[in-house]
Amino acid sequence: MYENFYGLKENPFNVTPNPEYIYLGENHKEALAQLLYGVREKKGFIVITGEVGTGKTTLIHYLLDKMDGNGHTKTAFLFNPKLTVHDFIQYILRDLGVRVQGQTKGEYLHHLNRYLLNAYRKNERVILIVDEAHGLNPELLEEIRLLSNLETARSKLLQIVLVGQTELDKTLSRPEFRQLRQRINLRFHLQPLPANETREYIEKKLRVAGAKKPIFTETAMKEIYSRSGGSPDSLTSYVTMP
């Protein structure tokens, strides 16, 4: 009903990621630039952290969308890290489109290494993205570190991007993860949107949804920013049509 009343074609504040509605503030643009640089230059480990709701998953979906259709980049995207090591490697293979044969961890690793070497010969990049990485158990985090050993004399065969809440930084700072920490080449921490970008975020979503004129008052904009703290995900919860 409100969509018709305000002349909108759809709900501009839907929680489902939609590339048309994505707004990147300066901090998010810098994070994206770091990601793209790290992938293109085959930097190995990349870590992106941020508080709840700062748009980490949205950023990753944007990255995946930019890579979609690029025949030189293959991605495996793990959005639920609560897996056993065995299931984890099997999941990567399946997401890369590799037909899984065998049942042992060693057989899975053999198939993965062969796939990566073949991709390297074809000048393809292979990226493993792990979302919610703060939820990784120590055993699986160590397995991810070992995957970074897959390399040639000239290059890493697998780019690994860990995305998680600030707890991920605390985990990586623990003594037992010293070796993994030393392999991280790029790190970036996402910040909430400042007040001016919060306004631009809301206005863009309304504009894409079909708004022809301003809908929220100046007072409403300030209240939304005050309550949300500039967190993109929180904005979706606090923004309701007047």
C-alpha atoms as a PDB file:
ATOM      1  CA  MET A   1       0.000   0.000   0.000  1.00  0.00           C
ATOM      2  CA  TYR A   2       2.688   2.529   0.974  1.00  0.00           C
ATOM      3  CA  GLU A   3       4.555   1.679  -2.227  1.00  0.00           C
ATOM      4  CA  ASN A   4       1.637   3.001  -4.270  1.00  0.00           C
ATOM      5  CA  PHE A   5       1.085   5.960  -1.947  1.00  0.00           C
ATOM      6  CA  TYR A   6       4.669   7.195  -2.284  1.00  0.00           C
ATOM      7  CA  GLY A   7       5.014   6.228  -5.927  1.00  0.00           C
ATOM      8  CA  LEU A   8       7.521   3.429  -5.292  1.00  0.00           C
ATOM      9  CA  LYS A   9       7.770   0.342  -7.443  1.00  0.00           C
ATOM     10  CA  GLU A  10       8.935  -1.840  -4.534  1.00  0.00           C
ATOM     11  CA  ASN A  11      10.162  -1.772  -0.949  1.00  0.00           C
ATOM     12  CA  PRO A  12      13.483   0.144  -1.050  1.00  0.00           C
ATOM     13  CA  PHE A  13      14.603  -1.221   2.316  1.00  0.00           C
ATOM     14  CA  ASN A  14      14.326  -4.940   1.701  1.00  0.00           C
ATOM     15  CA  VAL A  15      16.931  -6.884   3.688  1.00  0.00           C
ATOM     16  CA  THR A  16      17.748  -9.110   0.689  1.00  0.00           C
ATOM     17  CA  PRO A  17      20.918  -7.922  -1.113  1.00  0.00           C
ATOM     18  CA  ASN A  18      20.101  -6.380  -4.496  1.00  0.00           C
ATOM     19  CA  PRO A  19      22.987  -5.010  -6.614  1.00  0.00           C
ATOM     20  CA  GLU A  20      20.786  -2.163  -7.899  1.00  0.00           C
ATOM     21  CA  TYR A  21      20.376  -0.781  -4.382  1.00  0.00           C
ATOM     22  CA  ILE A  22      23.941  -1.121  -3.168  1.00  0.00           C
ATOM     23  CA  TYR A  23      25.471   2.062  -1.805  1.00  0.00           C
ATOM     24  CA  LEU A  24      29.178   2.165  -1.015  1.00  0.00           C
ATOM     25  CA  GLY A  25      30.492   4.856   1.284  1.00  0.00           C
ATOM     26  CA  GLU A  26      34.116   5.994   1.092  1.00  0.00           C
ATOM     27  CA  ASN A  27      35.221   3.393   3.649  1.00  0.00           C
ATOM     28  CA  HIS A  28      33.441   0.619   1.730  1.00  0.00           C
ATOM     29  CA  LYS A  29      34.939   1.785  -1.571  1.00  0.00           C
ATOM     30  CA  GLU A  30      38.390   1.581  -0.028  1.00  0.00           C
ATOM     31  CA  ALA A  31      37.651  -1.923   1.264  1.00  0.00           C
ATOM     32  CA  LEU A  32      36.471  -2.979  -2.199  1.00  0.00           C
ATOM     33  CA  ALA A  33      39.605  -1.497  -3.763  1.00  0.00           C
ATOM     34  CA  GLN A  34      41.731  -3.487  -1.306  1.00  0.00           C
ATOM     35  CA  LEU A  35      39.837  -6.673  -2.140  1.00  0.00           C
ATOM     36  CA  LEU A  36      40.183  -6.200  -5.884  1.00  0.00           C
ATOM     37  CA  TYR A  37      43.864  -5.346  -5.557  1.00  0.00           C
ATOM     38  CA  GLY A  38      44.510  -8.371  -3.352  1.00  0.00           C
ATOM     39  CA  VAL A  39      42.735 -10.704  -5.761  1.00  0.00           C
ATOM     40  CA  ARG A  40      44.380  -9.314  -8.902  1.00  0.00           C
ATOM     41  CA  GLU A  41      47.848  -9.359  -7.384  1.00  0.00           C
ATOM     42  CA  LYS A  42      47.321 -12.787  -5.804  1.00  0.00           C
ATOM     43  CA  LYS A  43      48.155 -11.588  -2.310  1.00  0.00           C
ATOM     44  CA  GLY A  44      47.059 -14.802  -0.625  1.00  0.00           C
ATOM     45  CA  PHE A  45      45.271 -14.057   2.658  1.00  0.00           C
ATOM     46  CA  ILE A  46      42.940 -11.065   2.965  1.00  0.00           C
ATOM     47  CA  VAL A  47      40.940 -10.267   6.119  1.00  0.00           C
ATOM     48  CA  ILE A  48      37.906  -7.959   6.246  1.00  0.00           C
ATOM     49  CA  THR A  49      36.372  -7.216   9.651  1.00  0.00           C
ATOM     50  CA  GLY A  50      33.640  -4.965  10.991  1.00  0.00           C
ATOM     51  CA  GLU A  51      30.993  -4.680  13.653  1.00  0.00           C
ATOM     52  CA  VAL A  52      27.587  -6.282  13.182  1.00  0.00           C
ATOM     53  CA  GLY A  53      25.629  -4.573  10.414  1.00  0.00           C
ATOM     54  CA  THR A  54      28.449  -2.593   8.806  1.00  0.00           C
ATOM     55  CA  GLY A  55      27.826  -4.184   5.411  1.00  0.00           C
ATOM     56  CA  LYS A  56      30.481  -6.915   5.235  1.00  0.00           C
ATOM     57  CA  THR A  57      28.261  -9.460   3.498  1.00  0.00           C
ATOM     58  CA  THR A  58      26.863  -6.802   1.155  1.00  0.00           C
ATOM     59  CA  LEU A  59      30.417  -5.900   0.169  1.00  0.00           C
ATOM     60  CA  ILE A  60      31.220  -9.531  -0.600  1.00  0.00           C
ATOM     61  CA  HIS A  61      28.078  -9.926  -2.700  1.00  0.00           C
ATOM     62  CA  TYR A  62      29.086  -6.795  -4.597  1.00  0.00           C
ATOM     63  CA  LEU A  63      32.538  -8.261  -5.188  1.00  0.00           C
ATOM     64  CA  LEU A  64      31.017 -11.530  -6.413  1.00  0.00           C
ATOM     65  CA  ASP A  65      28.666  -9.631  -8.697  1.00  0.00           C
ATOM     66  CA  LYS A  66      31.572  -7.725 -10.257  1.00  0.00           C
ATOM     67  CA  MET A  67      33.356 -11.009 -10.863  1.00  0.00           C
ATOM     68  CA  ASP A  68      30.290 -12.765 -12.242  1.00  0.00           C
ATOM     69  CA  GLY A  69      30.826 -13.775 -15.826  1.00  0.00           C
ATOM     70  CA  ASN A  70      34.571 -13.230 -15.623  1.00  0.00           C
ATOM     71  CA  GLY A  71      35.986 -16.399 -17.095  1.00  0.00           C
ATOM     72  CA  HIS A  72      39.342 -15.760 -15.446  1.00  0.00           C
ATOM     73  CA  THR A  73      38.024 -15.834 -11.878  1.00  0.00           C
ATOM     74  CA  LYS A  74      36.488 -18.801 -10.065  1.00  0.00           C
ATOM     75  CA  THR A  75      35.040 -18.441  -6.577  1.00  0.00           C
ATOM     76  CA  ALA A  76      33.967 -20.695  -3.741  1.00  0.00           C
ATOM     77  CA  PHE A  77      31.767 -18.841  -1.239  1.00  0.00           C
ATOM     78  CA  LEU A  78      31.267 -20.362   2.209  1.00  0.00           C
ATOM     79  CA  PHE A  79      28.540 -18.521   4.131  1.00  0.00           C
ATOM     80  CA  ASN A  80      28.220 -21.007   7.003  1.00  0.00           C
ATOM     81  CA  PRO A  81      31.571 -22.013   8.533  1.00  0.00           C
ATOM     82  CA  LYS A  82      30.054 -24.518  10.969  1.00  0.00           C
ATOM     83  CA  LEU A  83      31.424 -27.524   9.097  1.00  0.00           C
ATOM     84  CA  THR A  84      33.810 -30.359   9.775  1.00  0.00           C
ATOM     85  CA  VAL A  85      37.149 -30.272   7.968  1.00  0.00           C
ATOM     86  CA  HIS A  86      35.992 -33.137   5.747  1.00  0.00           C
ATOM     87  CA  ASP A  87      32.750 -31.360   4.787  1.00  0.00           C
ATOM     88  CA  PHE A  88      34.593 -28.063   4.352  1.00  0.00           C
ATOM     89  CA  ILE A  89      36.934 -29.351   1.633  1.00  0.00           C
ATOM     90  CA  GLN A  90      34.098 -31.219  -0.036  1.00  0.00           C
ATOM     91  CA  TYR A  91      32.021 -28.023  -0.060  1.00  0.00           C
ATOM     92  CA  ILE A  92      34.825 -26.045  -1.732  1.00  0.00           C
ATOM     93  CA  LEU A  93      35.141 -28.653  -4.469  1.00  0.00           C
ATOM     94  CA  ARG A  94      31.416 -28.743  -5.135  1.00  0.00           C
ATOM     95  CA  ASP A  95      31.149 -24.943  -5.199  1.00  0.00           C
ATOM     96  CA  LEU A  96      33.964 -24.808  -7.733  1.00  0.00           C
ATOM     97  CA  GLY A  97      32.080 -27.316  -9.862  1.00  0.00           C
ATOM     98  CA  VAL A  98      34.519 -30.159  -9.300  1.00  0.00           C
ATOM     99  CA  ARG A  99      33.034 -33.627  -9.437  1.00  0.00           C
ATOM    100  CA  VAL A 100      33.887 -35.176  -6.074  1.00  0.00           C
ATOM    101  CA  GLN A 101      35.387 -38.649  -6.216  1.00  0.00           C
ATOM    102  CA  GLY A 102      36.696 -40.601  -3.282  1.00  0.00           C
ATOM    103  CA  GLN A 103      35.854 -40.218   0.374  1.00  0.00           C
ATOM    104  CA  THR A 104      39.043 -39.430   2.256  1.00  0.00           C
ATOM    105  CA  LYS A 105      40.460 -36.023   3.048  1.00  0.00           C
ATOM    106  CA  GLY A 106      43.593 -36.901   1.125  1.00  0.00           C
ATOM    107  CA  GLU A 107      41.577 -37.695  -2.001  1.00  0.00           C
ATOM    108  CA  TYR A 108      39.670 -34.425  -1.722  1.00  0.00           C
ATOM    109  CA  LEU A 109      42.904 -32.444  -1.350  1.00  0.00           C
ATOM    110  CA  HIS A 110      44.348 -34.233  -4.369  1.00  0.00           C
ATOM    111  CA  HIS A 111      41.342 -33.194  -6.489  1.00  0.00           C
ATOM    112  CA  LEU A 112      41.538 -29.625  -5.194  1.00  0.00           C
ATOM    113  CA  ASN A 113      45.259 -29.309  -5.899  1.00  0.00           C
ATOM    114  CA  ARG A 114      44.797 -30.709  -9.403  1.00  0.00           C
ATOM    115  CA  TYR A 115      41.960 -28.248 -10.053  1.00  0.00           C
ATOM    116  CA  LEU A 116      44.050 -25.303  -8.829  1.00  0.00           C
ATOM    117  CA  LEU A 117      47.063 -26.286 -10.937  1.00  0.00           C
ATOM    118  CA  ASN A 118      44.859 -26.579 -13.996  1.00  0.00           C
ATOM    119  CA  ALA A 119      43.361 -23.130 -13.268  1.00  0.00           C
ATOM    120  CA  TYR A 120      46.870 -21.706 -12.884  1.00  0.00           C
ATOM    121  CA  ARG A 121      47.899 -23.073 -16.272  1.00  0.00           C
ATOM    122  CA  LYS A 122      44.842 -21.367 -17.807  1.00  0.00           C
ATOM    123  CA  ASN A 123      45.711 -18.098 -16.020  1.00  0.00           C
ATOM    124  CA  GLU A 124      42.555 -18.291 -13.897  1.00  0.00           C
ATOM    125  CA  ARG A 125      42.264 -16.930 -10.359  1.00  0.00           C
ATOM    126  CA  VAL A 126      40.583 -19.090  -7.722  1.00  0.00           C
ATOM    127  CA  ILE A 127      39.204 -17.370  -4.631  1.00  0.00           C
ATOM    128  CA  LEU A 128      37.841 -18.883  -1.424  1.00  0.00           C
ATOM    129  CA  ILE A 129      35.618 -16.444   0.483  1.00  0.00           C
ATOM    130  CA  VAL A 130      34.593 -17.390   4.018  1.00  0.00           C
ATOM    131  CA  ASP A 131      31.833 -15.235   5.489  1.00  0.00           C
ATOM    132  CA  GLU A 132      31.095 -15.235   9.231  1.00  0.00           C
ATOM    133  CA  ALA A 133      34.731 -16.294   9.688  1.00  0.00           C
ATOM    134  CA  HIS A 134      34.652 -15.306  13.364  1.00  0.00           C
ATOM    135  CA  GLY A 135      32.637 -18.506  13.830  1.00  0.00           C
ATOM    136  CA  LEU A 136      35.402 -20.781  12.537  1.00  0.00           C
ATOM    137  CA  ASN A 137      36.616 -23.341  15.050  1.00  0.00           C
ATOM    138  CA  PRO A 138      40.404 -23.606  15.572  1.00  0.00           C
ATOM    139  CA  GLU A 139      40.681 -26.885  13.660  1.00  0.00           C
ATOM    140  CA  LEU A 140      39.006 -25.460  10.565  1.00  0.00           C
ATOM    141  CA  LEU A 141      40.967 -22.214  10.779  1.00  0.00           C
ATOM    142  CA  GLU A 142      44.173 -24.234  10.807  1.00  0.00           C
ATOM    143  CA  GLU A 143      42.947 -26.202   7.788  1.00  0.00           C
ATOM    144  CA  ILE A 144      42.385 -22.932   5.930  1.00  0.00           C
ATOM    145  CA  ARG A 145      45.956 -21.925   6.758  1.00  0.00           C
ATOM    146  CA  LEU A 146      47.217 -25.205   5.324  1.00  0.00           C
ATOM    147  CA  LEU A 147      45.284 -24.586   2.107  1.00  0.00           C
ATOM    148  CA  SER A 148      47.434 -21.513   1.615  1.00  0.00           C
ATOM    149  CA  ASN A 149      50.375 -23.899   1.172  1.00  0.00           C
ATOM    150  CA  LEU A 150      48.967 -24.837  -2.221  1.00  0.00           C
ATOM    151  CA  GLU A 151      51.287 -22.890  -4.481  1.00  0.00           C
ATOM    152  CA  THR A 152      53.795 -22.982  -7.293  1.00  0.00           C
ATOM    153  CA  ALA A 153      57.314 -21.578  -7.200  1.00  0.00           C
ATOM    154  CA  ARG A 154      55.889 -18.314  -8.558  1.00  0.00           C
ATOM    155  CA  SER A 155      52.401 -17.867  -7.173  1.00  0.00           C
ATOM    156  CA  LYS A 156      49.753 -18.840  -4.659  1.00  0.00           C
ATOM    157  CA  LEU A 157      47.154 -21.130  -6.231  1.00  0.00           C
ATOM    158  CA  LEU A 158      44.309 -20.066  -3.928  1.00  0.00           C
ATOM    159  CA  GLN A 159      43.330 -16.585  -2.752  1.00  0.00           C
ATOM    160  CA  ILE A 160      41.600 -16.680   0.643  1.00  0.00           C
ATOM    161  CA  VAL A 161      39.313 -13.933   1.955  1.00  0.00           C
ATOM    162  CA  LEU A 162      38.138 -14.150   5.574  1.00  0.00           C
ATOM    163  CA  VAL A 163      35.196 -11.907   6.457  1.00  0.00           C
ATOM    164  CA  GLY A 164      33.946 -11.586  10.007  1.00  0.00           C
ATOM    165  CA  GLN A 165      33.090  -9.546  13.045  1.00  0.00           C
ATOM    166  CA  THR A 166      35.768  -7.957  15.227  1.00  0.00           C
ATOM    167  CA  GLU A 167      36.038 -11.217  17.188  1.00  0.00           C
ATOM    168  CA  LEU A 168      37.970 -12.558  14.199  1.00  0.00           C
ATOM    169  CA  ASP A 169      40.826 -10.136  14.948  1.00  0.00           C
ATOM    170  CA  LYS A 170      40.906 -11.368  18.538  1.00  0.00           C
ATOM    171  CA  THR A 171      41.052 -14.981  17.376  1.00  0.00           C
ATOM    172  CA  LEU A 172      43.861 -14.298  14.911  1.00  0.00           C
ATOM    173  CA  SER A 173      45.882 -12.526  17.606  1.00  0.00           C
ATOM    174  CA  ARG A 174      46.064 -15.725  19.681  1.00  0.00           C
ATOM    175  CA  PRO A 175      49.559 -17.330  19.863  1.00  0.00           C
ATOM    176  CA  GLU A 176      48.467 -20.578  18.209  1.00  0.00           C
ATOM    177  CA  PHE A 177      47.508 -18.675  15.031  1.00  0.00           C
ATOM    178  CA  ARG A 178      50.844 -16.895  14.681  1.00  0.00           C
ATOM    179  CA  GLN A 179      51.680 -18.717  11.435  1.00  0.00           C
ATOM    180  CA  LEU A 180      48.338 -17.837   9.887  1.00  0.00           C
ATOM    181  CA  ARG A 181      48.638 -14.219  11.019  1.00  0.00           C
ATOM    182  CA  GLN A 182      52.017 -13.917   9.296  1.00  0.00           C
ATOM    183  CA  ARG A 183      50.426 -14.920   5.988  1.00  0.00           C
ATOM    184  CA  ILE A 184      47.841 -12.149   6.002  1.00  0.00           C
ATOM    185  CA  ASN A 185      48.897  -9.611   3.392  1.00  0.00           C
ATOM    186  CA  LEU A 186      45.902  -7.262   3.498  1.00  0.00           C
ATOM    187  CA  ARG A 187      43.568  -6.323   6.354  1.00  0.00           C
ATOM    188  CA  PHE A 188      40.718  -3.846   6.391  1.00  0.00           C
ATOM    189  CA  HIS A 189      38.200  -2.832   9.044  1.00  0.00           C
ATOM    190  CA  LEU A 190      34.804  -1.546   7.896  1.00  0.00           C
ATOM    191  CA  GLN A 191      33.372   1.491   9.684  1.00  0.00           C
ATOM    192  CA  PRO A 192      29.723   2.614   9.988  1.00  0.00           C
ATOM    193  CA  LEU A 193      28.528   5.316   7.587  1.00  0.00           C
ATOM    194  CA  PRO A 194      28.944   8.944   8.715  1.00  0.00           C
ATOM    195  CA  ALA A 195      25.855  11.183   8.803  1.00  0.00           C
ATOM    196  CA  ASN A 196      26.197  12.544   5.258  1.00  0.00           C
ATOM    197  CA  GLU A 197      26.631   9.071   3.756  1.00  0.00           C
ATOM    198  CA  THR A 198      23.694   7.767   5.779  1.00  0.00           C
ATOM    199  CA  ARG A 199      21.552  10.377   4.054  1.00  0.00           C
ATOM    200  CA  GLU A 200      22.954   9.416   0.636  1.00  0.00           C
ATOM    201  CA  TYR A 201      22.345   5.730   1.411  1.00  0.00           C
ATOM    202  CA  ILE A 202      18.658   6.357   2.154  1.00  0.00           C
ATOM    203  CA  GLU A 203      18.171   8.724  -0.774  1.00  0.00           C
ATOM    204  CA  LYS A 204      19.719   6.296  -3.251  1.00  0.00           C
ATOM    205  CA  LYS A 205      17.480   3.439  -2.156  1.00  0.00           C
ATOM    206  CA  LEU A 206      14.403   5.638  -2.461  1.00  0.00           C
ATOM    207  CA  ARG A 207      15.513   6.922  -5.861  1.00  0.00           C
ATOM    208  CA  VAL A 208      16.127   3.414  -7.247  1.00  0.00           C
ATOM    209  CA  ALA A 209      12.718   2.347  -5.917  1.00  0.00           C
ATOM    210  CA  GLY A 210      11.099   5.137  -7.943  1.00  0.00           C
ATOM    211  CA  ALA A 211      10.788   8.084  -5.547  1.00  0.00           C
ATOM    212  CA  LYS A 212      10.415  11.372  -7.432  1.00  0.00           C
ATOM    213  CA  LYS A 213      10.719  13.688  -4.424  1.00  0.00           C
ATOM    214  CA  PRO A 214      12.087  13.622  -0.842  1.00  0.00           C
ATOM    215  CA  ILE A 215      10.081  11.499   1.569  1.00  0.00           C
ATOM    216  CA  PHE A 216      11.913  11.845   4.884  1.00  0.00           C
ATOM    217  CA  THR A 217      12.225  15.189   6.647  1.00  0.00           C
ATOM    218  CA  GLU A 218      15.517  16.572   7.932  1.00  0.00           C
ATOM    219  CA  THR A 219      14.448  15.718  11.483  1.00  0.00           C
ATOM    220  CA  ALA A 220      13.661  12.132  10.462  1.00  0.00           C
ATOM    221  CA  MET A 221      17.048  11.758   8.776  1.00  0.00           C
ATOM    222  CA  LYS A 222      18.859  12.898  11.910  1.00  0.00           C
ATOM    223  CA  GLU A 223      16.790  10.554  14.085  1.00  0.00           C
ATOM    224  CA  ILE A 224      17.507   7.589  11.795  1.00  0.00           C
ATOM    225  CA  TYR A 225      21.233   8.276  11.966  1.00  0.00           C
ATOM    226  CA  SER A 226      21.116   8.740  15.725  1.00  0.00           C
ATOM    227  CA  ARG A 227      19.352   5.429  16.281  1.00  0.00           C
ATOM    228  CA  SER A 228      21.250   3.362  13.714  1.00  0.00           C
ATOM    229  CA  GLY A 229      24.712   4.788  14.314  1.00  0.00           C
ATOM    230  CA  GLY A 230      25.298   4.663  10.566  1.00  0.00           C
ATOM    231  CA  SER A 231      25.182   0.863  10.412  1.00  0.00           C
ATOM    232  CA  PRO A 232      23.726  -0.072   6.973  1.00  0.00           C
ATOM    233  CA  ASP A 233      21.962  -3.192   8.268  1.00  0.00           C
ATOM    234  CA  SER A 234      20.532  -1.299  11.248  1.00  0.00           C
ATOM    235  CA  LEU A 235      19.280   1.414   8.913  1.00  0.00           C
ATOM    236  CA  THR A 236      17.019  -1.143   7.258  1.00  0.00           C
ATOM    237  CA  SER A 237      15.456  -1.855  10.641  1.00  0.00           C
ATOM    238  CA  TYR A 238      15.055   1.766  11.707  1.00  0.00           C
ATOM    239  CA  VAL A 239      13.815   3.171   8.400  1.00  0.00           C
ATOM    240  CA  THR A 240      10.043   2.833   8.134  1.00  0.00           C
ATOM    241  CA  MET A 241       7.901   4.723   5.709  1.00  0.00           C
ATOM    242  CA  PRO A 242       6.150   7.730   7.323  1.00  0.00           C
END
